Amino acid sequence: MKVIAILEHSITGGGGFNQALNAILQMKKICKGRFEFEVFSTHAENYAHLQKLGISSVIFSYSLMDKLLAKIGINSLWQAIQSRIKIIGSFEKKLIKHKCDLVYFTTPSGYVASLQKLNYITTIWDTCHRDTPEFPEVRNFNQFLIREKNISNYLAAAITVIVDSESLANSISFRYGVDRSRLLPMPFSPSPFLDLDKSKSLREVMIKYKLDEGYFFYPAQFWAHKNHIRILEALLILNNNKKQHKIVFVGSDKGNRPHLEEFVKNNNLDSQVSFLGFVPADDMYGLYEGCHAVIMPTYFGPTNLPPLEAWMHKKPLIYSIYFINQTKDAAVLIDPDDAHDIAKAITKSMDKDFCEELIKLGSKRVQELNDEREASEADLLVRLKKFEKRLHCWKINKDFQ
């Protein structure tokens, strides 16, 4: 049996890209010695990044027919026509040519609908458009409806749906009627590039970005739901109490950065706030090492990568209380609607003894999540073996004599 993983994000996709790489590395490990494995990516620049991780890849692009098949797949008239004419898009033809038996979408994708014959595993990271539909990134220009369509129509037919947690699996099963047994919780992992052997040193990174150690660090793209603004409001509160701290933001602009820059300018916070934008993967190690603490007052979850990376670098974590299931007691939990709460958390994180205890709890939480991930990987292997058995019902098994 051959599994082909699909990588649709580029490195500028931030956490989404890193999690897709983790999923690819994980599937490669599971398949080793058991199944054939290959990677297809829609971005040519990903070829080099995958090579660094010892993964070869095929670069492709979706054709107009692939896009049409993905868009009109749920139309009842088209379904009647397609049952007769049986059109297959170039994407699926390419997969079949590469002897693919099972397609693995490592990120949420509407292109599962373009598949007419091949079975698939798909991925869902959140249902935050349901939890917090007011944010522009899930409200504007039919984004809510697009997300609803993808989840409602294409999860139930998947061999397995990879999700990040038990809470998300239960939410999807309840909201969309997907069989709970089809949903497999798989805890996230830190970025595969957060390794000193692949990274620049702390000193090099501090010099490059003209930073001094001891800042608060928020690695997140500039979406409204990431809630950078509440950190800035907390800085003003602390300033009024004669307590000055610095914050470093890294991430691509998704439309919300000008709003934050205007706030910084209007409130004379320029000397305390650094906007580094998108930074290369090999700079992230140094940026984590140089910070005092990681802070993440996001509204979207139920899990995120920065908490794992904070614990990996033995840094205190300030995190949204909405996602306590990810951190347990290994973070200072804050109300993301309350700047005063964030200001108190920043002050609390300056206590050395408290931080040391928090870091110990973070290391413990990492081990717990590693154990959960190992169990989920074993479960995924069982599912793959079961699919392989059933595949033989309609495809010749050359290994069986």
Protein backbone atom coordinates (compact mmCIF):
# COMPACT_ATOMS: atom_id res chain seq x y z
CA MET A 1 0.00 0.00 0.00
CA LYS A 2 1.15 3.51 -0.75
CA VAL A 3 0.26 6.66 1.21
CA ILE A 4 0.79 10.09 -0.33
CA ALA A 5 0.71 13.13 1.98
CA ILE A 6 -0.44 16.50 0.63
CA LEU A 7 1.23 19.73 1.81
CA GLU A 8 -0.72 22.80 0.68
CA HIS A 9 0.83 25.41 3.03
CA SER A 10 4.04 27.35 2.44
CA ILE A 11 6.50 28.22 5.20
CA THR A 12 4.84 31.65 5.60
CA GLY A 13 1.81 29.75 6.89
CA GLY A 14 3.46 29.75 10.32
CA GLY A 15 2.15 27.19 12.77
CA GLY A 16 -0.01 25.55 10.11
CA PHE A 17 3.06 24.82 7.98
CA ASN A 18 5.03 23.50 10.94
CA GLN A 19 2.23 21.23 12.05
CA ALA A 20 1.89 19.88 8.50
CA LEU A 21 5.62 19.07 8.53
CA ASN A 22 5.17 17.29 11.85
CA ALA A 23 2.31 15.27 10.38
CA ILE A 24 4.47 14.31 7.39
CA LEU A 25 7.38 13.24 9.59
CA GLN A 26 5.01 11.28 11.76
CA MET A 27 3.40 9.45 8.84
CA LYS A 28 6.82 8.74 7.34
CA LYS A 29 7.85 7.11 10.64
CA ILE A 30 4.66 5.05 10.85
CA CYS A 31 4.96 3.88 7.23
CA LYS A 32 8.65 2.98 7.42
CA GLY A 33 9.14 -0.70 6.67
CA ARG A 34 5.39 -1.22 6.30
CA PHE A 35 3.96 0.99 3.53
CA GLU A 36 5.31 3.15 0.74
CA PHE A 37 5.21 6.88 1.45
CA GLU A 38 5.53 10.03 -0.68
CA VAL A 39 4.81 13.76 -0.37
CA PHE A 40 3.09 16.08 -2.86
CA SER A 41 3.30 19.84 -2.30
CA THR A 42 1.65 22.78 -4.04
CA HIS A 43 4.58 25.15 -3.29
CA ALA A 44 7.92 24.81 -5.08
CA GLU A 45 9.79 26.48 -2.20
CA ASN A 46 8.74 23.61 0.08
CA TYR A 47 11.03 21.24 -1.78
CA ALA A 48 14.13 22.61 -0.02
CA HIS A 49 12.49 22.69 3.41
CA LEU A 50 11.39 19.07 3.06
CA GLN A 51 14.86 18.08 1.86
CA LYS A 52 16.34 19.49 5.09
CA LEU A 53 14.18 16.97 6.93
CA GLY A 54 15.21 14.10 4.67
CA ILE A 55 11.94 14.04 2.71
CA SER A 56 11.72 14.01 -1.08
CA SER A 57 8.64 15.58 -2.65
CA VAL A 58 6.71 16.05 -5.87
CA ILE A 59 5.60 19.60 -6.72
CA PHE A 60 2.19 19.96 -8.36
CA SER A 61 -0.62 22.46 -8.82
CA TYR A 62 -4.38 22.02 -8.85
CA SER A 63 -5.91 22.33 -12.33
CA LEU A 64 -9.06 24.21 -13.21
CA MET A 65 -10.91 20.88 -13.34
CA ASP A 66 -9.65 20.00 -9.84
CA LYS A 67 -10.98 23.32 -8.57
CA LEU A 68 -14.32 22.81 -10.28
CA LEU A 69 -14.68 19.28 -8.90
CA ALA A 70 -13.93 20.61 -5.41
CA LYS A 71 -16.49 23.42 -5.76
CA ILE A 72 -19.45 21.64 -7.31
CA GLY A 73 -19.11 18.21 -5.73
CA ILE A 74 -22.16 18.62 -3.48
CA ASN A 75 -24.45 19.93 -6.23
CA SER A 76 -27.13 17.29 -6.81
CA LEU A 77 -27.42 17.97 -10.55
CA TRP A 78 -23.66 17.64 -10.97
CA GLN A 79 -23.66 14.42 -8.96
CA ALA A 80 -26.19 12.91 -11.39
CA ILE A 81 -24.07 13.98 -14.37
CA GLN A 82 -20.79 12.84 -12.79
CA SER A 83 -22.18 9.37 -12.07
CA ARG A 84 -22.48 8.95 -15.83
CA ILE A 85 -19.48 10.79 -17.30
CA LYS A 86 -17.05 9.94 -14.45
CA ILE A 87 -14.53 12.79 -14.79
CA ILE A 88 -11.28 12.56 -12.82
CA GLY A 89 -9.14 15.68 -12.32
CA SER A 90 -5.43 15.93 -13.07
CA PHE A 91 -4.58 15.90 -9.33
CA GLU A 92 -6.14 12.49 -8.80
CA LYS A 93 -4.76 11.19 -12.10
CA LYS A 94 -1.27 12.17 -10.92
CA LEU A 95 -1.83 10.41 -7.61
CA ILE A 96 -3.02 7.26 -9.39
CA LYS A 97 -0.01 7.40 -11.73
CA HIS A 98 2.19 7.43 -8.63
CA LYS A 99 0.36 4.27 -7.45
CA CYS A 100 -1.34 6.03 -4.53
CA ASP A 101 -3.80 4.01 -2.44
CA LEU A 102 -4.54 6.50 0.32
CA VAL A 103 -4.29 10.32 0.26
CA TYR A 104 -3.34 12.12 3.48
CA PHE A 105 -4.28 15.81 3.66
CA THR A 106 -1.98 17.16 6.36
CA THR A 107 -3.89 20.45 6.61
CA PRO A 108 -7.60 21.29 6.38
CA SER A 109 -8.43 21.24 2.66
CA GLY A 110 -11.44 21.65 0.41
CA TYR A 111 -9.68 19.60 -2.24
CA VAL A 112 -10.74 16.32 -0.66
CA ALA A 113 -13.90 16.94 -2.71
CA SER A 114 -11.92 16.68 -5.96
CA LEU A 115 -11.18 13.00 -5.30
CA GLN A 116 -13.56 10.72 -7.18
CA LYS A 117 -11.99 7.30 -6.49
CA LEU A 118 -9.18 7.45 -3.97
CA ASN A 119 -9.81 7.23 -0.24
CA TYR A 120 -8.36 9.83 2.10
CA ILE A 121 -7.36 10.86 5.60
CA THR A 122 -8.03 14.50 6.36
CA THR A 123 -7.14 16.97 9.09
CA ILE A 124 -9.16 19.50 11.09
CA TRP A 125 -7.43 21.88 13.48
CA ASP A 126 -10.40 23.68 14.96
CA THR A 127 -14.05 24.65 14.73
CA CYS A 128 -13.37 28.20 15.91
CA HIS A 129 -15.70 29.67 13.29
CA ARG A 130 -18.45 28.14 15.45
CA ASP A 131 -16.89 29.10 18.80
CA THR A 132 -16.12 32.73 17.89
CA PRO A 133 -17.86 33.59 14.60
CA GLU A 134 -17.43 37.35 15.10
CA PHE A 135 -13.79 37.50 14.02
CA PRO A 136 -13.28 38.82 10.46
CA GLU A 137 -11.11 35.89 9.37
CA VAL A 138 -14.03 33.51 9.88
CA ARG A 139 -16.87 35.96 9.20
CA ASN A 140 -15.98 38.06 6.17
CA PHE A 141 -16.79 37.09 2.57
CA ASN A 142 -18.50 33.77 3.30
CA GLN A 143 -15.58 32.26 5.22
CA PHE A 144 -18.01 30.89 7.79
CA LEU A 145 -20.05 29.14 5.10
CA ILE A 146 -16.95 27.80 3.34
CA ARG A 147 -15.71 26.24 6.56
CA GLU A 148 -19.13 24.82 7.33
CA LYS A 149 -19.37 23.24 3.87
CA ASN A 150 -15.96 21.61 4.11
CA ILE A 151 -16.58 20.15 7.54
CA SER A 152 -20.21 19.16 6.95
CA ASN A 153 -19.71 17.45 3.61
CA TYR A 154 -16.27 15.89 3.53
CA LEU A 155 -15.38 14.58 6.99
CA ALA A 156 -17.82 11.68 7.19
CA ALA A 157 -16.34 9.96 4.11
CA ALA A 158 -12.76 10.08 5.41
CA ILE A 159 -11.04 6.88 6.51
CA THR A 160 -9.83 8.86 9.51
CA VAL A 161 -10.00 12.53 10.57
CA ILE A 162 -6.93 13.73 12.47
CA VAL A 163 -7.74 16.33 15.14
CA ASP A 164 -5.58 17.91 17.82
CA SER A 165 -7.45 16.89 20.97
CA GLU A 166 -10.26 14.91 22.58
CA SER A 167 -12.27 18.11 23.05
CA LEU A 168 -12.16 18.89 19.32
CA ALA A 169 -13.07 15.30 18.41
CA ASN A 170 -16.09 15.45 20.71
CA SER A 171 -17.10 18.87 19.35
CA ILE A 172 -16.97 17.71 15.71
CA SER A 173 -18.87 14.53 16.47
CA PHE A 174 -21.61 16.47 18.31
CA ARG A 175 -21.89 19.38 15.88
CA TYR A 176 -21.56 17.55 12.57
CA GLY A 177 -22.69 14.01 13.27
CA VAL A 178 -19.35 12.44 12.31
CA ASP A 179 -18.89 9.00 13.88
CA ARG A 180 -16.64 9.47 16.91
CA SER A 181 -14.67 6.36 15.94
CA ARG A 182 -13.58 8.12 12.71
CA LEU A 183 -11.94 10.95 14.67
CA LEU A 184 -8.40 10.42 15.96
CA PRO A 185 -7.01 12.93 18.49
CA MET A 186 -3.30 13.50 17.81
CA PRO A 187 -1.49 16.07 20.01
CA PHE A 188 0.61 18.67 18.21
CA SER A 189 4.43 18.63 18.29
CA PRO A 190 6.92 21.54 18.38
CA SER A 191 8.25 22.78 15.05
CA PRO A 192 10.79 20.37 13.52
CA PHE A 193 13.07 23.37 12.84
CA LEU A 194 13.44 24.27 16.56
CA ASP A 195 16.72 22.42 16.77
CA LEU A 196 20.04 24.13 17.47
CA ASP A 197 21.73 22.04 14.77
CA LYS A 198 19.38 23.61 12.20
CA SER A 199 19.31 27.09 13.74
CA LYS A 200 21.32 30.25 14.33
CA SER A 201 22.69 30.84 17.81
CA LEU A 202 21.08 33.08 20.41
CA ARG A 203 23.84 35.67 19.99
CA GLU A 204 23.49 35.77 16.20
CA VAL A 205 19.71 36.27 16.45
CA MET A 206 19.94 38.99 19.14
CA ILE A 207 22.42 40.91 16.99
CA LYS A 208 20.41 40.45 13.80
CA TYR A 209 17.20 41.88 15.29
CA LYS A 210 18.88 44.34 17.68
CA LEU A 211 17.23 42.74 20.71
CA ASP A 212 18.22 42.38 24.34
CA GLU A 213 17.31 39.20 26.18
CA GLY A 214 14.37 39.20 28.58
CA TYR A 215 11.44 40.25 26.38
CA PHE A 216 8.01 38.65 26.22
CA PHE A 217 7.54 36.69 23.00
CA TYR A 218 4.43 36.12 20.91
CA PRO A 219 4.99 34.06 17.74
CA ALA A 220 1.71 34.40 15.84
CA GLN A 221 0.50 35.70 12.51
CA PHE A 222 -1.34 39.00 12.60
CA TRP A 223 -4.92 37.78 12.65
CA ALA A 224 -7.51 39.54 14.78
CA HIS A 225 -8.18 36.38 16.79
CA LYS A 226 -4.56 36.22 17.94
CA ASN A 227 -5.42 39.16 20.22
CA HIS A 228 -2.13 41.07 20.09
CA ILE A 229 -4.04 44.22 21.06
CA ARG A 230 -4.73 42.97 24.60
CA ILE A 231 -1.00 42.61 25.24
CA LEU A 232 -0.47 46.21 24.15
CA GLU A 233 -3.25 47.36 26.46
CA ALA A 234 -1.58 45.41 29.29
CA LEU A 235 1.72 47.22 28.59
CA LEU A 236 -0.04 50.56 29.08
CA ILE A 237 -1.47 49.40 32.40
CA LEU A 238 1.98 48.29 33.55
CA ASN A 239 3.54 51.54 32.35
CA ASN A 240 1.10 53.48 34.52
CA ASN A 241 2.37 51.40 37.46
CA LYS A 242 6.00 52.23 36.57
CA LYS A 243 6.68 48.71 35.27
CA GLN A 244 8.04 48.62 31.75
CA HIS A 245 8.38 45.44 29.71
CA LYS A 246 9.19 44.69 26.09
CA ILE A 247 7.26 42.47 23.69
CA VAL A 248 8.46 40.90 20.44
CA PHE A 249 5.89 39.94 17.81
CA VAL A 250 6.82 37.67 14.89
CA GLY A 251 4.56 36.44 12.10
CA SER A 252 3.17 37.29 8.68
CA ASP A 253 0.63 40.09 8.35
CA LYS A 254 -2.87 38.77 7.68
CA GLY A 255 -4.38 42.27 7.64
CA ASN A 256 -4.32 43.23 11.32
CA ARG A 257 -0.78 44.54 11.76
CA PRO A 258 -1.55 48.18 10.72
CA HIS A 259 -4.22 48.33 13.44
CA LEU A 260 -1.64 47.30 16.04
CA GLU A 261 1.07 49.60 14.71
CA GLU A 262 -1.33 52.55 14.92
CA PHE A 263 -2.11 51.68 18.55
CA VAL A 264 1.61 51.49 19.35
CA LYS A 265 2.25 54.87 17.71
CA ASN A 266 -0.72 56.61 19.36
CA ASN A 267 0.29 55.35 22.80
CA ASN A 268 4.07 55.92 22.55
CA LEU A 269 4.92 52.23 22.87
CA ASP A 270 7.47 52.20 20.04
CA SER A 271 10.45 51.55 22.34
CA GLN A 272 8.70 48.58 23.96
CA VAL A 273 7.27 46.75 20.95
CA SER A 274 9.18 45.04 18.13
CA PHE A 275 7.37 43.91 14.98
CA LEU A 276 9.77 41.49 13.28
CA GLY A 277 7.30 40.21 10.69
CA PHE A 278 7.88 36.79 9.18
CA VAL A 279 11.25 35.42 10.31
CA PRO A 280 13.21 32.49 8.84
CA ALA A 281 12.76 29.16 10.57
CA ASP A 282 16.39 29.02 11.66
CA ASP A 283 15.96 32.27 13.66
CA MET A 284 13.12 30.93 15.83
CA TYR A 285 15.36 28.93 18.16
CA GLY A 286 17.28 32.04 19.17
CA LEU A 287 14.12 34.13 19.55
CA TYR A 288 12.66 31.58 21.96
CA GLU A 289 15.94 31.28 23.87
CA GLY A 290 16.21 35.06 24.24
CA CYS A 291 12.76 35.63 25.72
CA HIS A 292 11.77 35.76 29.37
CA ALA A 293 8.36 34.19 28.73
CA VAL A 294 5.98 33.23 25.93
CA ILE A 295 2.61 34.96 25.95
CA MET A 296 -0.42 33.87 23.91
CA PRO A 297 -3.86 35.41 24.66
CA THR A 298 -5.47 33.85 21.58
CA TYR A 299 -9.17 33.15 21.11
CA PHE A 300 -8.63 30.16 18.78
CA GLY A 301 -7.79 26.67 19.97
CA PRO A 302 -8.33 24.16 21.45
CA THR A 303 -4.54 23.69 21.16
CA ASN A 304 -1.66 25.68 19.69
CA LEU A 305 2.04 25.13 18.95
CA PRO A 306 3.70 27.99 20.95
CA PRO A 307 2.86 26.44 24.35
CA LEU A 308 4.73 23.28 23.34
CA GLU A 309 7.65 25.34 22.09
CA ALA A 310 7.73 27.43 25.29
CA TRP A 311 7.97 24.24 27.36
CA MET A 312 10.61 22.84 25.00
CA HIS A 313 12.77 25.94 25.61
CA LYS A 314 11.98 25.90 29.36
CA LYS A 315 10.24 29.26 29.30
CA PRO A 316 7.24 30.33 31.41
CA LEU A 317 3.95 30.42 29.50
CA ILE A 318 1.07 32.91 29.74
CA TYR A 319 -1.92 31.46 27.93
CA SER A 320 -5.65 31.84 27.32
CA ILE A 321 -7.76 30.20 30.03
CA TYR A 322 -10.12 28.91 27.33
CA PHE A 323 -7.55 26.23 26.47
CA ILE A 324 -6.70 24.92 29.91
CA ASN A 325 -7.16 21.37 28.60
CA GLN A 326 -3.92 21.77 26.66
CA THR A 327 -1.81 23.23 29.45
CA LYS A 328 -3.41 21.92 32.68
CA ASP A 329 -1.45 23.74 35.41
CA ALA A 330 1.67 24.41 33.29
CA ALA A 331 0.80 28.04 32.41
CA VAL A 332 -0.34 31.31 33.91
CA LEU A 333 -3.89 31.29 32.59
CA ILE A 334 -5.47 34.61 31.64
CA ASP A 335 -8.81 35.95 30.45
CA PRO A 336 -8.09 37.12 26.87
CA ASP A 337 -10.77 39.80 27.22
CA ASP A 338 -9.09 41.38 30.25
CA ALA A 339 -5.93 43.47 29.82
CA HIS A 340 -5.65 43.87 33.60
CA ASP A 341 -5.53 40.09 33.96
CA ILE A 342 -2.72 39.92 31.39
CA ALA A 343 -0.83 42.71 33.19
CA LYS A 344 -1.07 40.75 36.46
CA ALA A 345 0.17 37.60 34.70
CA ILE A 346 3.18 39.45 33.28
CA THR A 347 4.05 40.73 36.76
CA LYS A 348 3.54 37.27 38.27
CA SER A 349 5.87 35.74 35.68
CA MET A 350 8.74 37.92 36.94
CA ASP A 351 8.91 35.91 40.17
CA LYS A 352 11.91 33.58 39.84
CA ASP A 353 10.68 30.79 42.13
CA PHE A 354 7.25 30.80 40.52
CA CYS A 355 8.82 30.55 37.04
CA GLU A 356 11.01 27.62 38.05
CA GLU A 357 7.95 25.71 39.26
CA LEU A 358 6.03 26.60 36.09
CA ILE A 359 8.89 25.33 33.93
CA LYS A 360 8.91 22.02 35.82
CA LEU A 361 5.18 21.66 35.23
CA GLY A 362 5.76 22.44 31.55
CA SER A 363 8.30 19.62 31.24
CA LYS A 364 5.84 17.26 32.91
CA ARG A 365 3.08 18.31 30.52
CA VAL A 366 5.36 17.69 27.51
CA GLN A 367 5.91 14.11 28.66
CA GLU A 368 2.17 13.58 29.13
CA LEU A 369 1.48 14.82 25.60
CA ASN A 370 4.30 12.69 24.20
CA ASP A 371 2.69 9.63 25.78
CA GLU A 372 -0.70 10.58 24.31
CA ARG A 373 0.86 11.09 20.89
CA GLU A 374 2.62 7.72 21.01
CA ALA A 375 -0.69 5.99 21.80
CA SER A 376 -2.41 7.86 18.95
CA GLU A 377 0.34 6.87 16.51
CA ALA A 378 -0.20 3.22 17.45
CA ASP A 379 -3.94 3.71 16.86
CA LEU A 380 -3.24 5.28 13.45
CA LEU A 381 -1.08 2.31 12.45
CA VAL A 382 -3.93 -0.07 13.34
CA ARG A 383 -6.28 1.98 11.14
CA LEU A 384 -3.82 1.92 8.24
CA LYS A 385 -3.42 -1.84 8.50
CA LYS A 386 -7.19 -2.30 8.55
CA PHE A 387 -7.55 -0.13 5.44
CA GLU A 388 -4.83 -2.15 3.70
CA LYS A 389 -6.76 -5.36 4.39
CA ARG A 390 -9.92 -3.88 2.92
CA LEU A 391 -8.02 -2.45 -0.04
CA HIS A 392 -7.28 -6.02 -1.12
CA CYS A 393 -11.00 -6.57 -1.69
CA TRP A 394 -10.79 -4.58 -4.93
CA LYS A 395 -7.07 -4.29 -5.66
CA ILE A 396 -4.57 -7.09 -6.30
CA ASN A 397 -2.11 -7.62 -3.45
CA LYS A 398 1.17 -8.50 -5.15
CA ASP A 399 2.83 -9.34 -1.81
CA PHE A 400 0.31 -12.03 -0.91
CA GLN A 401 1.10 -15.41 -2.40
